Amino acid sequence: MGTLQENILKLIGEQCSPRWELEEYRGHIIINLPDTEEDYRAICQQVKKEITKCVQQHFPERDTELLFEVRNGSWNFSFKLRKIMITGP
């Protein structure tokens, strides 16, 4: 796993829900959610929003695309954050 993904896993573990189980598999960052009776789609959208905000705040410039997969039982939800290179004036 690349250093960026290691740093992002650590960051998500520290700043997002401590109930999430995090791992990396074949370039994907996997977020295993605890079982819940709540609306899965709403939870996944909230997870995506939290992770996106956290990554963009701490890693505004990235030279790789980040792939995330949110899992809850038999439900899976994937999203990616594209690479962002900031060029000078």
Protein backbone atom coordinates (compact mmCIF):
# COMPACT_ATOMS: atom_id res chain seq x y z
CA MET A 1 0.00 0.00 0.00
CA GLY A 2 1.30 3.45 -0.85
CA THR A 3 2.22 6.02 1.75
CA LEU A 4 -0.72 8.25 0.79
CA GLN A 5 -3.22 5.44 1.39
CA GLU A 6 -1.55 4.57 4.71
CA ASN A 7 -1.81 8.20 5.81
CA ILE A 8 -5.43 8.42 4.71
CA LEU A 9 -6.36 5.20 6.53
CA LYS A 10 -4.77 6.58 9.69
CA LEU A 11 -6.48 9.95 9.25
CA ILE A 12 -9.93 8.41 8.70
CA GLY A 13 -9.41 6.19 11.73
CA GLU A 14 -8.53 9.17 13.90
CA GLN A 15 -11.00 11.77 12.65
CA CYS A 16 -14.05 9.86 11.48
CA SER A 17 -16.17 7.30 13.29
CA PRO A 18 -14.12 5.03 15.58
CA ARG A 19 -16.77 2.32 14.98
CA TRP A 20 -15.67 1.87 11.36
CA GLU A 21 -13.31 -0.99 10.59
CA LEU A 22 -10.75 0.11 8.00
CA GLU A 23 -8.58 -1.96 5.69
CA GLU A 24 -6.93 -1.84 2.28
CA TYR A 25 -7.47 -4.40 -0.46
CA ARG A 26 -6.05 -4.20 -3.98
CA GLY A 27 -5.79 -0.43 -3.94
CA HIS A 28 -9.25 0.13 -2.41
CA ILE A 29 -9.76 1.60 1.03
CA ILE A 30 -12.48 -0.52 2.62
CA ILE A 31 -14.76 0.93 5.31
CA ASN A 32 -16.76 -1.75 7.13
CA LEU A 33 -19.70 -0.21 8.96
CA PRO A 34 -21.33 -1.72 12.03
CA ASP A 35 -24.71 -3.35 11.45
CA THR A 36 -27.54 -0.87 11.68
CA GLU A 37 -31.26 -0.71 11.09
CA GLU A 38 -30.99 2.78 9.59
CA ASP A 39 -31.35 3.65 5.89
CA TYR A 40 -28.22 2.24 4.26
CA ARG A 41 -28.16 4.73 1.37
CA ALA A 42 -28.34 7.72 3.71
CA ILE A 43 -25.55 6.29 5.86
CA CYS A 44 -23.32 5.68 2.84
CA GLN A 45 -23.86 9.22 1.57
CA GLN A 46 -22.93 10.55 5.02
CA VAL A 47 -19.79 8.37 5.12
CA LYS A 48 -18.81 9.61 1.65
CA LYS A 49 -19.35 13.22 2.72
CA GLU A 50 -17.24 12.81 5.89
CA ILE A 51 -14.38 11.03 4.11
CA THR A 52 -14.34 13.47 1.19
CA LYS A 53 -14.23 16.47 3.52
CA CYS A 54 -11.49 14.93 5.66
CA VAL A 55 -9.29 13.92 2.70
CA GLN A 56 -9.73 17.25 0.89
CA GLN A 57 -8.87 19.19 4.03
CA HIS A 58 -5.69 17.26 4.84
CA PHE A 59 -4.59 16.19 1.35
CA PRO A 60 -5.79 18.92 -1.05
CA GLU A 61 -3.20 17.87 -3.64
CA ARG A 62 -2.97 14.18 -4.56
CA ASP A 63 -1.14 12.52 -7.42
CA THR A 64 -3.22 9.34 -7.28
CA GLU A 65 -6.89 8.50 -7.52
CA LEU A 66 -8.37 7.12 -4.29
CA LEU A 67 -10.93 4.33 -4.38
CA PHE A 68 -13.25 3.72 -1.41
CA GLU A 69 -15.71 0.92 -0.74
CA VAL A 70 -18.24 1.21 2.07
CA ARG A 71 -19.62 -2.12 3.28
CA ASN A 72 -22.50 -2.99 5.58
CA GLY A 73 -23.51 -6.64 5.52
CA SER A 74 -24.53 -7.50 1.98
CA TRP A 75 -24.61 -3.83 0.88
CA ASN A 76 -21.62 -2.25 -0.88
CA PHE A 77 -21.16 1.34 -2.01
CA SER A 78 -18.08 2.51 -3.91
CA PHE A 79 -16.78 5.97 -4.76
CA LYS A 80 -13.53 7.54 -5.83
CA LEU A 81 -11.75 10.80 -5.29
CA ARG A 82 -9.82 11.86 -8.33
CA LYS A 83 -6.24 13.02 -8.26
CA ILE A 84 -5.73 16.75 -7.90
CA MET A 85 -2.58 18.52 -8.92
CA ILE A 86 -2.35 22.22 -8.15
CA THR A 87 -0.16 24.08 -10.58
CA GLY A 88 1.57 27.36 -9.93
CA PRO A 89 0.44 30.74 -11.28
